[in-house]
Amino acid sequence: MKRWSLGLYIALLVISVLIIYNSITELSLSEYGQPGSGLLPFLLAIILAALTLILLFTGEFKNGEG
């Protein structure tokens, strides 16, 4: 794995963690049984983190094979 791609993946993970933290603390995830203003950024940040982890692990294994 190239150094710049590892840095990019770490930056994306940090950004997604900051968005998740902000969605939980500053915005509300739900209000009286209805979705709040922080639900969509929370879900998108989880998806971003999951995709980044997938890219990180597949890139690491691909580098080991070839």
C-alpha atoms as a PDB file:
ATOM      1  CA  MET A   1       0.000   0.000   0.000  1.00  0.00           C
ATOM      2  CA  LYS A   2       1.331   3.398  -0.905  1.00  0.00           C
ATOM      3  CA  ARG A   3       1.980   5.928   1.788  1.00  0.00           C
ATOM      4  CA  TRP A   4      -0.409   8.546   0.404  1.00  0.00           C
ATOM      5  CA  SER A   5      -3.293   6.092   0.265  1.00  0.00           C
ATOM      6  CA  LEU A   6      -2.729   5.098   3.888  1.00  0.00           C
ATOM      7  CA  GLY A   7      -2.760   8.773   4.854  1.00  0.00           C
ATOM      8  CA  LEU A   8      -5.956   9.298   2.894  1.00  0.00           C
ATOM      9  CA  TYR A   9      -7.660   6.361   4.609  1.00  0.00           C
ATOM     10  CA  ILE A  10      -6.637   7.610   8.035  1.00  0.00           C
ATOM     11  CA  ALA A  11      -7.891  11.109   7.197  1.00  0.00           C
ATOM     12  CA  LEU A  12     -11.242   9.709   6.048  1.00  0.00           C
ATOM     13  CA  LEU A  13     -11.549   7.692   9.256  1.00  0.00           C
ATOM     14  CA  VAL A  14     -10.790  10.762  11.370  1.00  0.00           C
ATOM     15  CA  ILE A  15     -13.364  12.808   9.458  1.00  0.00           C
ATOM     16  CA  SER A  16     -16.012  10.120   9.873  1.00  0.00           C
ATOM     17  CA  VAL A  17     -15.307   9.827  13.613  1.00  0.00           C
ATOM     18  CA  LEU A  18     -15.608  13.601  13.997  1.00  0.00           C
ATOM     19  CA  ILE A  19     -18.923  13.609  12.127  1.00  0.00           C
ATOM     20  CA  ILE A  20     -20.234  10.751  14.280  1.00  0.00           C
ATOM     21  CA  TYR A  21     -19.157  12.564  17.449  1.00  0.00           C
ATOM     22  CA  ASN A  22     -20.746  15.824  16.305  1.00  0.00           C
ATOM     23  CA  SER A  23     -23.968  14.070  15.308  1.00  0.00           C
ATOM     24  CA  ILE A  24     -24.299  12.500  18.731  1.00  0.00           C
ATOM     25  CA  THR A  25     -23.292  15.473  20.883  1.00  0.00           C
ATOM     26  CA  GLU A  26     -24.475  18.577  19.023  1.00  0.00           C
ATOM     27  CA  LEU A  27     -27.376  17.274  16.955  1.00  0.00           C
ATOM     28  CA  SER A  28     -30.138  14.974  18.082  1.00  0.00           C
ATOM     29  CA  LEU A  29     -30.526  11.525  16.571  1.00  0.00           C
ATOM     30  CA  SER A  30     -34.228  11.315  17.401  1.00  0.00           C
ATOM     31  CA  GLU A  31     -36.951  13.600  18.664  1.00  0.00           C
ATOM     32  CA  TYR A  32     -40.069  12.031  20.155  1.00  0.00           C
ATOM     33  CA  GLY A  33     -39.923   8.910  18.002  1.00  0.00           C
ATOM     34  CA  GLN A  34     -39.066  10.736  14.780  1.00  0.00           C
ATOM     35  CA  PRO A  35     -35.636  11.061  13.207  1.00  0.00           C
ATOM     36  CA  GLY A  36     -33.697  14.093  14.347  1.00  0.00           C
ATOM     37  CA  SER A  37     -31.371  16.391  12.477  1.00  0.00           C
ATOM     38  CA  GLY A  38     -28.284  14.342  13.315  1.00  0.00           C
ATOM     39  CA  LEU A  39     -29.492  10.982  12.036  1.00  0.00           C
ATOM     40  CA  LEU A  40     -28.532  11.383   8.373  1.00  0.00           C
ATOM     41  CA  PRO A  41     -24.972  12.643   9.034  1.00  0.00           C
ATOM     42  CA  PHE A  42     -24.568   9.859  11.610  1.00  0.00           C
ATOM     43  CA  LEU A  43     -25.595   7.146   9.149  1.00  0.00           C
ATOM     44  CA  LEU A  44     -23.504   8.596   6.315  1.00  0.00           C
ATOM     45  CA  ALA A  45     -20.442   8.794   8.561  1.00  0.00           C
ATOM     46  CA  ILE A  46     -20.888   5.148   9.555  1.00  0.00           C
ATOM     47  CA  ILE A  47     -21.095   4.192   5.871  1.00  0.00           C
ATOM     48  CA  LEU A  48     -17.981   6.287   5.127  1.00  0.00           C
ATOM     49  CA  ALA A  49     -16.059   4.614   7.950  1.00  0.00           C
ATOM     50  CA  ALA A  50     -17.126   1.137   6.821  1.00  0.00           C
ATOM     51  CA  LEU A  51     -16.127   1.770   3.211  1.00  0.00           C
ATOM     52  CA  THR A  52     -12.807   3.239   4.313  1.00  0.00           C
ATOM     53  CA  LEU A  53     -12.061   0.182   6.446  1.00  0.00           C
ATOM     54  CA  ILE A  54     -12.919  -2.077   3.510  1.00  0.00           C
ATOM     55  CA  LEU A  55     -10.542  -0.119   1.265  1.00  0.00           C
ATOM     56  CA  LEU A  56      -7.857  -0.190   3.927  1.00  0.00           C
ATOM     57  CA  PHE A  57      -7.977  -3.950   4.417  1.00  0.00           C
ATOM     58  CA  THR A  58      -8.360  -4.893   0.748  1.00  0.00           C
ATOM     59  CA  GLY A  59      -5.473  -2.632  -0.202  1.00  0.00           C
ATOM     60  CA  GLU A  60      -3.311  -4.166   2.490  1.00  0.00           C
ATOM     61  CA  PHE A  61      -4.012  -7.721   1.343  1.00  0.00           C
ATOM     62  CA  LYS A  62      -3.599  -6.809  -2.318  1.00  0.00           C
ATOM     63  CA  ASN A  63      -0.168  -5.379  -1.588  1.00  0.00           C
ATOM     64  CA  GLY A  64       0.882  -8.562   0.204  1.00  0.00           C
ATOM     65  CA  GLU A  65      -0.083 -10.784  -2.745  1.00  0.00           C
ATOM     66  CA  GLY A  66       1.507  -8.954  -5.587  1.00  0.00           C
END
